[in-house]
Amino acid sequence: MARNILSAILVIWFGALLSIARAGVPDTTQSKPAGSLEGEWQGTLDAGGTKLRLVLKVTKNGEGKLTGTLDSLDQNANGIPISAIEQSGDDVKLELAAIGGSYAGKMNAGGMEIAGEWKQGGVSLPLVFKRIGLSSLIGGPAPPAPLAAPADDEVLARTLVTDMAARHFDKVFAQFDETMAKALPADKLAESWDSLRSQVGEFRSIESEKREENQGYQIVHVICAFDKMKMDVRLVFDARQRVAGMRSTAAAAKAAWTPPAYAKTESFHERDVTVGAAPWQLPGTLTLPNGAGPFPAVVLVHGSGANDRDESIGSNKTFKDLAWGLASQGIAVLRYDKRTKVHGREVVQLTNLTVKEETVDDAQLAVDLLASQPETQAKHVFVLGHSLGGYVGPRIAAGDQKVAGLILLAGSTRPMEELLVEQVRYGAGLNGKITPQGQEAIEKAEKEEAAIRDPNLKPGTTLTLFGVPVPSSYFLDLRNYHPGETAATLHRPILVLQGERDIQVRLADFDGWKKALGSQPSASFKTYPALNHLFMPGSGPGSEAEYFQPNHVPEEVVQDIAGWVKTNSR
């Protein structure tokens, strides 16, 4: 259910937990003496029209001696050792024997800039280094000096990711704004990073950075290569270059989504809609069959994480496949971006967050919207819930009589915390042998499960899930929720579908639905031997790697859903 295998570090149950963006907080960094060479510096070397971004990192070893490295970002050459560092007053000299280079410059009075010359291969070029990061604040008896001139956001993001990989979590924490600092102290940041490593393997390299602007914030996507997969580490910077948000998801695939063969694009059209109203309004897409109608209709409800309306993972889009496939069969479909994707900053500030605010409320509003469209049959609006959406599907229907029936894809009947441990244990043993790191991840998941199930757990407290703080309200709310039992009280048509290769929601959950609903003639059940959690085919033991191979929901699944909807719309 939870896509912890995919999103690991900061997504888990509601992927926007740390997609925070707030500015203007007190400084929490340690200061450096004016004139100190220690710290991180950025410069750009203009070599005949070719611009090379350089990052200089200087620290002191146990003997108090200056040591350092140089990163040439555009050449993907990182950690070049500096063989000799000299600082005499404002004069700075560097020797890089490994590449036959040297640098000599003079630091300004504020200790924020070094202007000098780079020499290599008989060529001399001007090079100015400027401090980057909050570690560049000047201390002393006088009031704190302002931050250094803004560094390139991509360089700063790359530096922070590099620091996490080097386990310099205090340095990363020093860059956080107040909200991030409260949500993710340095020790929890370390836990989150280790959780990511346990899922996707060891960090190998940074491949690229890309910047975008959103509502006044600079967002930098740092694409990182790990042993098992590539991850997109997104850092959100406020106007003072403090980290106001951080999130890690699977890197988008280079291959673009293409329509499945069963999607008859000439037979339907789409229009933009808005689900709900301020402050939680969500952008959505209504896919309508061509023709007079009215048509039976389906609302698609996402799994866990900050999902878009298509449930995109790499180039795969489970919900877009379903929307286009069902519309080709004469069924209207509404899909929308999830609240945790659109309003992540606001969601994380809800001290009593539950699945109601995360998923249920918006699904019910989507049902209302779809039922009000002139092209749809108001009495035949069904909810299709995938993963978390399937788990809470019965709760959505129980609170909304407009829901004509439920279609549950890979919905769990067991508690979330039980699935958490199961998923971690499976991932740790996927290669046949559980490593010490894998065993540590299992034990941590078991401790988190115990904390969630603690009978003394009180409202207003905070739990930690893979290093991510989660309000206790989220799990306390679900303690008395039993999806199978709730579904049995609905007495409405229910279709339960399950992939047999699903490694996140298992056949044990499918059996749970059958046990709860098997005696009801309005309930139907089907499994698909080759399908995974995304309802896409594969072979052999399931793994997260196959989620990033271009694929589609099979036509058989679309036909099964379409036939069931039509049968129950007569």
Protein backbone atom coordinates (compact mmCIF):
# COMPACT_ATOMS: atom_id res chain seq x y z
CA MET A 1 0.00 0.00 0.00
CA ALA A 2 2.55 2.59 1.06
CA ARG A 3 5.01 3.14 -1.71
CA ASN A 4 7.92 3.15 0.72
CA ILE A 5 9.96 1.07 -1.73
CA LEU A 6 9.60 3.82 -4.27
CA SER A 7 9.71 6.98 -2.28
CA ALA A 8 11.37 5.81 0.91
CA ILE A 9 12.88 8.85 2.52
CA LEU A 10 10.06 11.38 2.68
CA VAL A 11 7.00 9.94 1.04
CA ILE A 12 5.90 6.83 2.93
CA TRP A 13 2.15 7.28 3.76
CA PHE A 14 1.55 10.86 2.70
CA GLY A 15 4.32 12.01 0.45
CA ALA A 16 4.03 15.73 1.10
CA LEU A 17 4.83 15.51 4.80
CA LEU A 18 8.01 17.45 4.17
CA SER A 19 6.99 19.41 1.09
CA ILE A 20 6.98 22.50 3.26
CA ALA A 21 7.81 25.99 2.07
CA ARG A 22 7.98 28.76 4.64
CA ALA A 23 10.40 31.62 4.89
CA GLY A 24 11.66 34.09 7.45
CA VAL A 25 13.00 32.27 10.52
CA PRO A 26 15.70 32.94 13.10
CA ASP A 27 19.22 31.92 12.18
CA THR A 28 20.39 28.67 13.80
CA THR A 29 23.80 28.21 12.24
CA GLN A 30 27.19 28.30 13.83
CA SER A 31 29.38 31.21 12.81
CA LYS A 32 32.91 31.21 11.45
CA PRO A 33 35.55 33.78 12.34
CA ALA A 34 35.90 36.51 9.73
CA GLY A 35 38.63 35.53 7.30
CA SER A 36 38.40 31.81 7.95
CA LEU A 37 38.88 29.70 4.84
CA GLU A 38 36.83 26.89 6.35
CA GLY A 39 33.53 26.29 4.64
CA GLU A 40 32.20 25.90 1.14
CA TRP A 41 32.85 28.22 -1.76
CA GLN A 42 31.47 28.49 -5.27
CA GLY A 43 33.18 29.88 -8.34
CA THR A 44 32.81 29.75 -12.10
CA LEU A 45 35.83 29.35 -14.34
CA ASP A 46 35.37 30.88 -17.80
CA ALA A 47 37.69 28.88 -20.04
CA GLY A 48 37.32 30.38 -23.49
CA GLY A 49 33.51 30.41 -23.49
CA THR A 50 33.15 27.15 -21.56
CA LYS A 51 31.89 27.85 -18.06
CA LEU A 52 32.86 25.35 -15.38
CA ARG A 53 31.16 25.54 -12.00
CA LEU A 54 33.52 24.75 -9.14
CA VAL A 55 32.81 24.05 -5.48
CA LEU A 56 35.65 24.36 -2.99
CA LYS A 57 35.23 22.60 0.37
CA VAL A 58 37.69 23.32 3.18
CA THR A 59 37.71 21.79 6.66
CA LYS A 60 40.20 21.25 9.49
CA ASN A 61 41.43 17.79 10.38
CA GLY A 62 42.03 16.51 13.89
CA GLU A 63 45.40 18.23 13.96
CA GLY A 64 43.91 21.60 13.08
CA LYS A 65 45.35 21.53 9.56
CA LEU A 66 43.31 22.80 6.62
CA THR A 67 42.30 20.11 4.13
CA GLY A 68 39.89 20.18 1.26
CA THR A 69 38.52 19.02 -2.06
CA LEU A 70 37.33 20.61 -5.28
CA ASP A 71 34.26 19.59 -7.28
CA SER A 72 33.99 20.42 -10.98
CA LEU A 73 30.23 20.05 -11.36
CA ASP A 74 29.93 20.36 -15.12
CA GLN A 75 32.64 17.75 -15.64
CA ASN A 76 31.12 15.43 -13.01
CA ALA A 77 34.52 15.37 -11.32
CA ASN A 78 33.95 15.45 -7.59
CA GLY A 79 36.24 15.18 -4.59
CA ILE A 80 39.47 16.24 -6.35
CA PRO A 81 41.96 16.34 -3.47
CA ILE A 82 43.72 19.60 -2.63
CA SER A 83 47.29 18.59 -1.89
CA ALA A 84 48.29 21.79 -0.12
CA ILE A 85 46.36 24.69 1.42
CA GLU A 86 47.99 27.84 2.75
CA GLN A 87 46.33 30.85 4.31
CA SER A 88 48.39 33.77 5.53
CA GLY A 89 46.15 36.61 6.53
CA ASP A 90 44.04 37.35 3.48
CA ASP A 91 46.31 35.47 1.08
CA VAL A 92 45.09 32.03 -0.01
CA LYS A 93 47.03 29.43 -1.98
CA LEU A 94 45.85 26.03 -3.18
CA GLU A 95 47.76 23.22 -4.90
CA LEU A 96 46.01 20.36 -6.69
CA ALA A 97 48.80 17.99 -7.66
CA ALA A 98 46.40 15.37 -9.03
CA ILE A 99 45.40 17.66 -11.92
CA GLY A 100 48.44 19.92 -12.08
CA GLY A 101 46.45 22.98 -11.00
CA SER A 102 46.93 25.79 -8.52
CA TYR A 103 45.09 28.82 -7.26
CA ALA A 104 46.25 32.00 -5.57
CA GLY A 105 43.88 34.69 -4.38
CA LYS A 106 43.09 37.31 -1.77
CA MET A 107 40.10 37.18 0.59
CA ASN A 108 38.09 40.35 1.03
CA ALA A 109 37.71 42.09 4.38
CA GLY A 110 34.37 40.45 5.09
CA GLY A 111 35.71 36.95 4.46
CA MET A 112 32.98 36.30 1.93
CA GLU A 113 34.92 36.36 -1.34
CA ILE A 114 38.32 35.31 -2.70
CA ALA A 115 39.52 36.91 -5.95
CA GLY A 116 42.51 35.38 -7.69
CA GLU A 117 43.91 33.33 -10.55
CA TRP A 118 43.61 29.69 -11.51
CA LYS A 119 46.68 28.17 -13.21
CA GLN A 120 46.79 24.87 -15.08
CA GLY A 121 48.71 23.66 -18.10
CA GLY A 122 50.49 26.99 -18.57
CA VAL A 123 47.20 28.92 -18.70
CA SER A 124 46.09 31.50 -16.14
CA LEU A 125 42.44 32.44 -15.73
CA PRO A 126 40.66 34.77 -13.28
CA LEU A 127 38.57 32.96 -10.70
CA VAL A 128 36.45 34.38 -7.88
CA PHE A 129 35.12 32.13 -5.13
CA LYS A 130 32.13 33.18 -2.99
CA ARG A 131 30.94 31.51 0.16
CA ILE A 132 27.82 29.39 -0.13
CA GLY A 133 25.42 28.03 2.48
CA LEU A 134 24.42 29.33 5.87
CA SER A 135 27.79 28.30 7.29
CA SER A 136 29.08 31.51 5.68
CA LEU A 137 27.58 33.78 8.37
CA ILE A 138 30.23 35.94 10.00
CA GLY A 139 30.38 35.96 13.78
CA GLY A 140 32.25 38.10 16.26
CA PRO A 141 31.12 40.67 18.77
CA ALA A 142 29.38 42.74 16.11
CA PRO A 143 25.85 41.91 14.90
CA PRO A 144 25.76 39.00 12.47
CA ALA A 145 26.67 39.92 8.93
CA PRO A 146 24.15 39.22 6.18
CA LEU A 147 24.24 36.05 4.19
CA ALA A 148 26.74 35.76 1.41
CA ALA A 149 25.71 36.73 -2.07
CA PRO A 150 23.28 34.01 -3.21
CA ALA A 151 25.00 30.97 -4.59
CA ASP A 152 23.72 29.18 -7.64
CA ASP A 153 20.70 27.24 -6.38
CA GLU A 154 21.74 24.13 -8.29
CA VAL A 155 25.19 24.27 -6.73
CA LEU A 156 23.75 24.68 -3.24
CA ALA A 157 21.33 21.79 -3.76
CA ARG A 158 24.10 19.58 -5.08
CA THR A 159 26.26 20.48 -2.10
CA LEU A 160 23.50 19.57 0.35
CA VAL A 161 22.88 16.21 -1.28
CA THR A 162 26.62 15.54 -1.29
CA ASP A 163 26.70 16.41 2.41
CA MET A 164 23.92 13.92 3.13
CA ALA A 165 25.78 11.22 1.23
CA ALA A 166 28.89 12.06 3.28
CA ARG A 167 26.76 11.92 6.47
CA HIS A 168 27.29 15.59 7.25
CA PHE A 169 23.72 15.89 8.46
CA ASP A 170 24.44 18.79 10.83
CA LYS A 171 25.57 20.87 7.86
CA VAL A 172 22.37 20.09 5.99
CA PHE A 173 20.25 20.78 9.07
CA ALA A 174 21.95 24.17 9.45
CA GLN A 175 20.42 25.17 6.12
CA PHE A 176 16.83 24.32 7.17
CA ASP A 177 14.18 26.93 7.85
CA GLU A 178 12.34 26.83 11.18
CA THR A 179 9.57 24.51 10.02
CA MET A 180 11.95 22.02 8.48
CA ALA A 181 14.18 22.16 11.55
CA LYS A 182 11.24 21.20 13.75
CA ALA A 183 10.01 18.51 11.38
CA LEU A 184 13.36 16.91 10.63
CA PRO A 185 16.17 17.39 13.18
CA ALA A 186 19.59 16.15 12.19
CA ASP A 187 19.21 12.74 13.82
CA LYS A 188 15.89 12.14 12.06
CA LEU A 189 17.39 13.32 8.78
CA ALA A 190 20.07 10.65 9.26
CA GLU A 191 17.38 8.03 9.87
CA SER A 192 15.54 9.10 6.73
CA TRP A 193 18.68 8.92 4.62
CA ASP A 194 19.51 5.48 5.99
CA SER A 195 15.97 4.36 5.26
CA LEU A 196 16.37 5.48 1.69
CA ARG A 197 19.65 3.57 1.41
CA SER A 198 18.05 0.42 2.79
CA GLN A 199 15.44 0.59 0.02
CA VAL A 200 17.39 1.75 -3.04
CA GLY A 201 20.98 0.83 -2.18
CA GLU A 202 24.08 2.91 -1.70
CA PHE A 203 24.44 6.42 -3.12
CA ARG A 204 26.72 6.46 -6.16
CA SER A 205 26.67 9.84 -7.85
CA ILE A 206 24.76 12.96 -8.79
CA GLU A 207 23.80 12.94 -12.45
CA SER A 208 22.14 16.30 -12.97
CA GLU A 209 20.30 19.23 -11.44
CA LYS A 210 17.32 21.19 -12.73
CA ARG A 211 15.73 24.29 -11.24
CA GLU A 212 12.17 25.57 -11.41
CA GLU A 213 10.23 28.33 -9.65
CA ASN A 214 6.91 27.86 -7.92
CA GLN A 215 5.06 30.54 -5.95
CA GLY A 216 8.26 32.42 -5.21
CA TYR A 217 10.25 29.36 -4.14
CA GLN A 218 13.17 27.88 -6.03
CA ILE A 219 12.86 24.11 -6.44
CA VAL A 220 15.92 22.14 -7.48
CA HIS A 221 15.63 18.55 -8.67
CA VAL A 222 18.87 16.66 -8.01
CA ILE A 223 18.92 13.38 -9.92
CA CYS A 224 20.95 10.84 -7.96
CA ALA A 225 22.11 7.37 -8.92
CA PHE A 226 21.79 4.70 -6.23
CA ASP A 227 22.63 1.01 -6.56
CA LYS A 228 19.08 -0.06 -7.41
CA MET A 229 17.53 2.98 -9.03
CA LYS A 230 17.68 6.70 -9.69
CA MET A 231 16.03 9.12 -7.29
CA ASP A 232 14.90 12.71 -7.68
CA VAL A 233 15.84 14.58 -4.51
CA ARG A 234 13.88 17.82 -4.57
CA LEU A 235 14.97 20.74 -2.41
CA VAL A 236 12.79 23.84 -1.97
CA PHE A 237 14.62 27.09 -1.18
CA ASP A 238 13.05 30.24 0.23
CA ALA A 239 14.16 33.78 -0.58
CA ARG A 240 17.08 33.46 1.85
CA GLN A 241 18.17 30.12 0.42
CA ARG A 242 17.02 28.19 3.45
CA VAL A 243 15.66 24.73 2.80
CA ALA A 244 11.89 25.06 3.16
CA GLY A 245 11.05 21.61 1.83
CA MET A 246 12.67 18.34 0.86
CA ARG A 247 11.27 15.29 -0.84
CA SER A 248 12.66 12.22 -2.55
CA THR A 249 10.86 10.26 -5.25
CA ALA A 250 11.79 7.95 -8.05
CA ALA A 251 13.34 9.87 -10.92
CA ALA A 252 11.05 10.31 -13.89
CA ALA A 253 11.74 7.93 -16.72
CA LYS A 254 13.15 9.34 -19.93
CA ALA A 255 10.56 7.48 -21.97
CA ALA A 256 7.30 9.38 -22.33
CA TRP A 257 3.90 7.82 -21.69
CA THR A 258 2.14 6.61 -24.81
CA PRO A 259 -1.54 5.67 -25.02
CA PRO A 260 -2.34 1.97 -24.68
CA ALA A 261 -3.61 0.28 -27.81
CA TYR A 262 -7.11 -0.07 -26.37
CA ALA A 263 -7.51 3.71 -25.89
CA LYS A 264 -9.67 4.95 -28.76
CA THR A 265 -8.76 8.62 -28.64
CA GLU A 266 -11.32 9.53 -31.26
CA SER A 267 -14.11 8.25 -29.01
CA PHE A 268 -13.73 10.61 -26.04
CA HIS A 269 -12.67 14.09 -25.00
CA GLU A 270 -11.38 15.72 -21.82
CA ARG A 271 -11.90 18.95 -19.94
CA ASP A 272 -10.33 20.53 -16.88
CA VAL A 273 -12.34 20.67 -13.67
CA THR A 274 -11.79 21.74 -10.07
CA VAL A 275 -12.58 19.41 -7.18
CA GLY A 276 -13.62 21.15 -3.98
CA ALA A 277 -13.18 24.79 -3.04
CA ALA A 278 -10.69 27.04 -1.28
CA PRO A 279 -8.52 26.43 0.59
CA TRP A 280 -8.30 22.80 -0.59
CA GLN A 281 -9.35 23.05 -4.25
CA LEU A 282 -7.71 20.47 -6.53
CA PRO A 283 -7.17 20.51 -10.30
CA GLY A 284 -8.66 17.54 -12.12
CA THR A 285 -9.49 16.06 -15.50
CA LEU A 286 -12.90 14.81 -16.59
CA THR A 287 -12.72 12.26 -19.42
CA LEU A 288 -16.04 11.97 -21.26
CA PRO A 289 -17.15 9.60 -24.00
CA ASN A 290 -18.31 11.36 -27.14
CA GLY A 291 -22.04 11.27 -27.65
CA ALA A 292 -25.21 12.37 -25.96
CA GLY A 293 -24.93 10.44 -22.71
CA PRO A 294 -25.61 10.46 -19.88
CA PHE A 295 -22.94 7.92 -19.00
CA PRO A 296 -22.13 5.85 -15.92
CA ALA A 297 -19.13 7.35 -14.20
CA VAL A 298 -16.12 6.48 -12.06
CA VAL A 299 -13.99 8.56 -9.65
CA LEU A 300 -10.37 7.41 -9.33
CA VAL A 301 -8.91 7.62 -5.79
CA HIS A 302 -5.14 7.45 -5.39
CA GLY A 303 -2.78 5.35 -3.39
CA SER A 304 -0.51 6.80 -0.70
CA GLY A 305 1.98 9.50 -1.50
CA ALA A 306 1.73 12.89 -3.17
CA ASN A 307 0.18 11.48 -6.33
CA ASP A 308 -0.79 13.39 -9.42
CA ARG A 309 -4.07 12.68 -11.16
CA ASP A 310 -2.47 10.01 -13.37
CA GLU A 311 -0.74 8.11 -10.55
CA SER A 312 2.51 8.63 -12.41
CA ILE A 313 5.54 6.50 -11.60
CA GLY A 314 8.28 7.00 -14.14
CA SER A 315 6.58 6.86 -17.53
CA ASN A 316 3.78 4.64 -16.21
CA LYS A 317 0.38 6.14 -15.46
CA THR A 318 -2.08 3.66 -13.98
CA PHE A 319 -4.94 6.15 -13.70
CA LYS A 320 -4.49 7.66 -17.15
CA ASP A 321 -4.55 4.16 -18.67
CA LEU A 322 -7.78 3.44 -16.81
CA ALA A 323 -9.38 6.80 -17.63
CA TRP A 324 -8.71 6.55 -21.36
CA GLY A 325 -9.56 2.85 -21.46
CA LEU A 326 -12.87 3.22 -19.63
CA ALA A 327 -13.87 6.32 -21.61
CA SER A 328 -13.28 4.28 -24.77
CA GLN A 329 -15.88 1.87 -23.34
CA GLY A 330 -18.50 4.57 -22.75
CA ILE A 331 -17.75 5.39 -19.09
CA ALA A 332 -16.99 8.89 -17.79
CA VAL A 333 -13.97 9.15 -15.50
CA LEU A 334 -12.83 11.87 -13.08
CA ARG A 335 -9.26 11.96 -11.79
CA TYR A 336 -7.56 14.74 -9.82
CA ASP A 337 -4.27 15.70 -8.18
CA LYS A 338 -4.10 14.59 -4.56
CA ARG A 339 -4.31 17.09 -1.72
CA THR A 340 -0.86 16.17 -0.45
CA LYS A 341 0.58 17.05 -3.86
CA VAL A 342 -1.22 20.36 -4.35
CA HIS A 343 -1.34 21.61 -0.75
CA GLY A 344 1.53 19.76 0.89
CA ARG A 345 2.74 22.78 2.85
CA GLU A 346 -0.67 23.25 4.43
CA VAL A 347 -1.35 19.54 5.04
CA VAL A 348 1.83 19.09 7.04
CA GLN A 349 0.73 21.83 9.43
CA LEU A 350 -2.44 19.93 10.40
CA THR A 351 -1.68 18.77 13.93
CA ASN A 352 -4.56 16.26 13.91
CA LEU A 353 -4.15 14.93 10.40
CA THR A 354 -6.13 11.79 9.54
CA VAL A 355 -6.95 9.88 6.38
CA LYS A 356 -10.12 11.98 6.21
CA GLU A 357 -8.16 15.12 5.38
CA GLU A 358 -5.63 13.23 3.27
CA THR A 359 -8.04 11.29 1.04
CA VAL A 360 -11.67 10.78 2.09
CA ASP A 361 -12.98 14.36 1.98
CA ASP A 362 -11.67 15.03 -1.52
CA ALA A 363 -12.96 11.72 -2.87
CA GLN A 364 -16.46 12.54 -1.64
CA LEU A 365 -16.27 16.01 -3.19
CA ALA A 366 -15.17 14.41 -6.45
CA VAL A 367 -18.22 12.12 -6.33
CA ASP A 368 -20.47 15.15 -5.82
CA LEU A 369 -18.86 16.94 -8.74
CA LEU A 370 -19.12 13.97 -11.07
CA ALA A 371 -22.75 13.31 -10.13
CA SER A 372 -23.63 16.93 -10.97
CA GLN A 373 -22.33 16.82 -14.55
CA PRO A 374 -25.03 16.79 -17.25
CA GLU A 375 -23.16 14.05 -19.14
CA THR A 376 -23.19 11.57 -16.24
CA GLN A 377 -25.76 9.33 -14.60
CA ALA A 378 -26.06 10.72 -11.09
CA LYS A 379 -27.30 7.40 -9.70
CA HIS A 380 -24.41 5.46 -11.22
CA VAL A 381 -21.24 7.09 -9.91
CA PHE A 382 -18.72 4.52 -8.70
CA VAL A 383 -15.49 4.96 -6.73
CA LEU A 384 -12.39 3.11 -7.90
CA GLY A 385 -9.77 3.13 -5.15
CA HIS A 386 -6.21 1.92 -5.69
CA SER A 387 -3.92 0.91 -2.81
CA LEU A 388 -4.66 3.40 -0.01
CA GLY A 389 -7.70 4.47 -2.04
CA GLY A 390 -8.93 0.88 -1.92
CA TYR A 391 -8.24 0.60 1.80
CA VAL A 392 -10.38 3.65 2.59
CA GLY A 393 -12.92 3.00 -0.18
CA PRO A 394 -15.53 1.60 2.25
CA ARG A 395 -15.16 4.67 4.47
CA ILE A 396 -15.67 6.95 1.45
CA ALA A 397 -18.84 5.09 0.47
CA ALA A 398 -20.14 4.87 4.05
CA GLY A 399 -20.17 8.65 4.23
CA ASP A 400 -21.67 9.32 0.80
CA GLN A 401 -24.89 7.76 -0.44
CA LYS A 402 -24.13 9.04 -3.95
CA VAL A 403 -21.51 6.28 -4.28
CA ALA A 404 -23.28 3.55 -6.27
CA GLY A 405 -20.56 0.96 -5.68
CA LEU A 406 -16.86 0.34 -5.14
CA ILE A 407 -14.04 -1.00 -7.30
CA LEU A 408 -11.09 -1.89 -5.06
CA LEU A 409 -7.69 -2.39 -6.70
CA ALA A 410 -4.94 -3.70 -4.40
CA GLY A 411 -6.76 -2.44 -1.33
CA SER A 412 -5.50 -3.72 2.01
CA THR A 413 -7.70 -5.20 4.70
CA ARG A 414 -4.85 -5.31 7.22
CA PRO A 415 -3.48 -2.38 9.27
CA MET A 416 -0.92 -0.13 7.62
CA GLU A 417 1.78 -0.83 10.18
CA GLU A 418 1.57 -4.57 9.47
CA LEU A 419 2.13 -3.96 5.78
CA LEU A 420 5.02 -1.65 6.61
CA VAL A 421 7.01 -4.41 8.28
CA GLU A 422 6.06 -6.93 5.59
CA GLN A 423 7.26 -4.63 2.81
CA VAL A 424 10.56 -3.87 4.52
CA ARG A 425 11.20 -7.53 5.23
CA TYR A 426 10.49 -8.46 1.61
CA GLY A 427 12.75 -5.73 0.23
CA ALA A 428 15.58 -6.66 2.59
CA GLY A 429 15.50 -10.31 1.49
CA LEU A 430 14.85 -9.79 -2.20
CA ASN A 431 18.38 -10.73 -3.20
CA GLY A 432 18.31 -13.94 -1.17
CA LYS A 433 20.32 -12.75 1.79
CA ILE A 434 19.47 -10.12 4.38
CA THR A 435 22.40 -7.78 4.89
CA PRO A 436 23.18 -6.16 8.26
CA GLN A 437 21.76 -2.94 6.83
CA GLY A 438 18.60 -4.78 5.79
CA GLN A 439 18.25 -6.38 9.22
CA GLU A 440 18.61 -2.95 10.81
CA ALA A 441 15.81 -1.66 8.58
CA ILE A 442 13.58 -4.57 9.59
CA GLU A 443 14.20 -3.99 13.28
CA LYS A 444 13.50 -0.29 12.90
CA ALA A 445 10.22 -1.04 11.08
CA GLU A 446 9.24 -3.46 13.87
CA LYS A 447 9.90 -0.80 16.48
CA GLU A 448 7.80 1.69 14.53
CA GLU A 449 5.01 -0.88 14.27
CA ALA A 450 5.13 -1.40 18.04
CA ALA A 451 4.98 2.35 18.64
CA ILE A 452 1.93 2.67 16.38
CA ARG A 453 0.19 -0.18 18.21
CA ASP A 454 1.15 1.00 21.68
CA PRO A 455 -2.11 0.97 23.71
CA ASN A 456 -0.84 4.03 25.58
CA LEU A 457 -0.44 6.11 22.41
CA LYS A 458 -2.06 9.48 23.05
CA PRO A 459 -3.42 12.20 20.76
CA GLY A 460 -1.10 15.13 20.23
CA THR A 461 2.06 13.05 20.14
CA THR A 462 4.32 12.45 17.17
CA LEU A 463 5.50 9.13 15.83
CA THR A 464 8.44 8.55 13.56
CA LEU A 465 8.01 6.52 10.41
CA PHE A 466 11.27 5.95 8.52
CA GLY A 467 12.57 9.13 10.12
CA VAL A 468 9.49 11.11 9.11
CA PRO A 469 7.38 12.65 11.89
CA VAL A 470 3.74 11.53 11.72
CA PRO A 471 1.01 12.80 14.07
CA SER A 472 -0.43 10.06 16.25
CA SER A 473 -3.91 11.19 15.15
CA TYR A 474 -3.34 9.53 11.77
CA PHE A 475 -3.01 6.04 13.24
CA LEU A 476 -5.36 6.49 16.19
CA ASP A 477 -8.10 7.36 13.71
CA LEU A 478 -7.62 4.02 11.94
CA ARG A 479 -7.53 1.80 15.04
CA ASN A 480 -11.24 1.09 14.93
CA TYR A 481 -11.49 1.06 11.15
CA HIS A 482 -11.81 -2.38 9.62
CA PRO A 483 -12.32 -2.00 5.86
CA GLY A 484 -13.80 -5.45 5.30
CA GLU A 485 -16.35 -5.03 8.07
CA THR A 486 -17.27 -1.54 6.89
CA ALA A 487 -17.66 -2.79 3.32
CA ALA A 488 -20.01 -5.54 4.49
CA THR A 489 -22.41 -2.96 5.94
CA LEU A 490 -22.75 -1.02 2.68
CA HIS A 491 -24.90 -3.51 0.77
CA ARG A 492 -23.76 -1.97 -2.50
CA PRO A 493 -21.99 -3.62 -5.46
CA ILE A 494 -18.27 -4.15 -4.82
CA LEU A 495 -15.62 -5.43 -7.21
CA VAL A 496 -12.31 -6.53 -5.66
CA LEU A 497 -9.30 -6.96 -7.98
CA GLN A 498 -5.78 -8.04 -7.00
CA GLY A 499 -2.47 -8.65 -8.76
CA GLU A 500 -0.84 -11.87 -7.58
CA ARG A 501 2.68 -10.44 -8.01
CA ASP A 502 1.92 -7.42 -5.83
CA ILE A 503 4.68 -7.01 -3.22
CA GLN A 504 2.94 -4.20 -1.33
CA VAL A 505 -0.59 -5.50 -0.86
CA ARG A 506 -0.77 -9.28 -0.76
CA LEU A 507 -3.22 -12.08 -1.44
CA ALA A 508 -3.79 -12.18 2.32
CA ASP A 509 -5.61 -8.87 1.90
CA PHE A 510 -7.61 -10.19 -1.05
CA ASP A 511 -8.63 -13.13 1.15
CA GLY A 512 -9.66 -10.61 3.80
CA TRP A 513 -12.13 -9.03 1.38
CA LYS A 514 -13.49 -12.43 0.40
CA LYS A 515 -13.96 -13.40 4.02
CA ALA A 516 -15.83 -10.19 4.76
CA LEU A 517 -17.93 -10.05 1.56
CA GLY A 518 -18.00 -13.56 0.17
CA SER A 519 -21.57 -14.23 1.25
CA GLN A 520 -22.90 -11.12 -0.48
CA PRO A 521 -24.16 -11.73 -4.05
CA SER A 522 -23.31 -8.13 -5.01
CA ALA A 523 -19.57 -8.71 -4.36
CA SER A 524 -17.24 -9.96 -7.10
CA PHE A 525 -13.57 -11.00 -6.90
CA LYS A 526 -10.77 -11.61 -9.37
CA THR A 527 -6.97 -11.99 -9.25
CA TYR A 528 -4.45 -11.62 -12.10
CA PRO A 529 -1.39 -13.90 -11.90
CA ALA A 530 1.05 -11.62 -13.76
CA LEU A 531 0.13 -8.20 -12.36
CA ASN A 532 2.05 -6.12 -9.82
CA HIS A 533 0.92 -3.34 -7.49
CA LEU A 534 0.49 -0.92 -10.40
CA PHE A 535 -1.77 -3.47 -12.11
CA MET A 536 0.83 -3.91 -14.82
CA PRO A 537 2.25 -7.24 -16.00
CA GLY A 538 5.65 -8.73 -15.29
CA SER A 539 7.34 -12.02 -14.53
CA GLY A 540 9.37 -13.56 -11.73
CA PRO A 541 9.60 -12.19 -8.19
CA GLY A 542 8.17 -8.71 -7.93
CA SER A 543 10.51 -5.77 -7.37
CA GLU A 544 10.36 -2.00 -7.43
CA ALA A 545 12.59 -1.93 -10.52
CA GLU A 546 9.78 -3.08 -12.80
CA TYR A 547 7.70 -0.03 -11.89
CA PHE A 548 10.04 2.02 -14.06
CA GLN A 549 9.85 -0.11 -17.16
CA PRO A 550 7.33 1.42 -19.60
CA ASN A 551 4.12 -0.56 -19.31
CA HIS A 552 0.33 -0.35 -19.33
CA VAL A 553 -2.65 -1.67 -17.42
CA PRO A 554 -3.77 -4.68 -19.52
CA GLU A 555 -6.92 -4.43 -21.59
CA GLU A 556 -8.35 -7.38 -19.64
CA VAL A 557 -8.49 -5.27 -16.48
CA VAL A 558 -10.18 -2.38 -18.31
CA GLN A 559 -12.72 -4.74 -19.86
CA ASP A 560 -13.46 -6.36 -16.49
CA ILE A 561 -14.08 -2.99 -14.83
CA ALA A 562 -16.11 -1.61 -17.74
CA GLY A 563 -18.30 -4.70 -17.91
CA TRP A 564 -18.94 -4.62 -14.16
CA VAL A 565 -19.83 -0.89 -14.21
CA LYS A 566 -22.25 -1.35 -17.08
CA THR A 567 -23.87 -4.38 -15.45
CA ASN A 568 -24.45 -2.40 -12.26
CA SER A 569 -25.74 0.67 -14.11
CA ARG A 570 -28.79 -0.94 -15.64
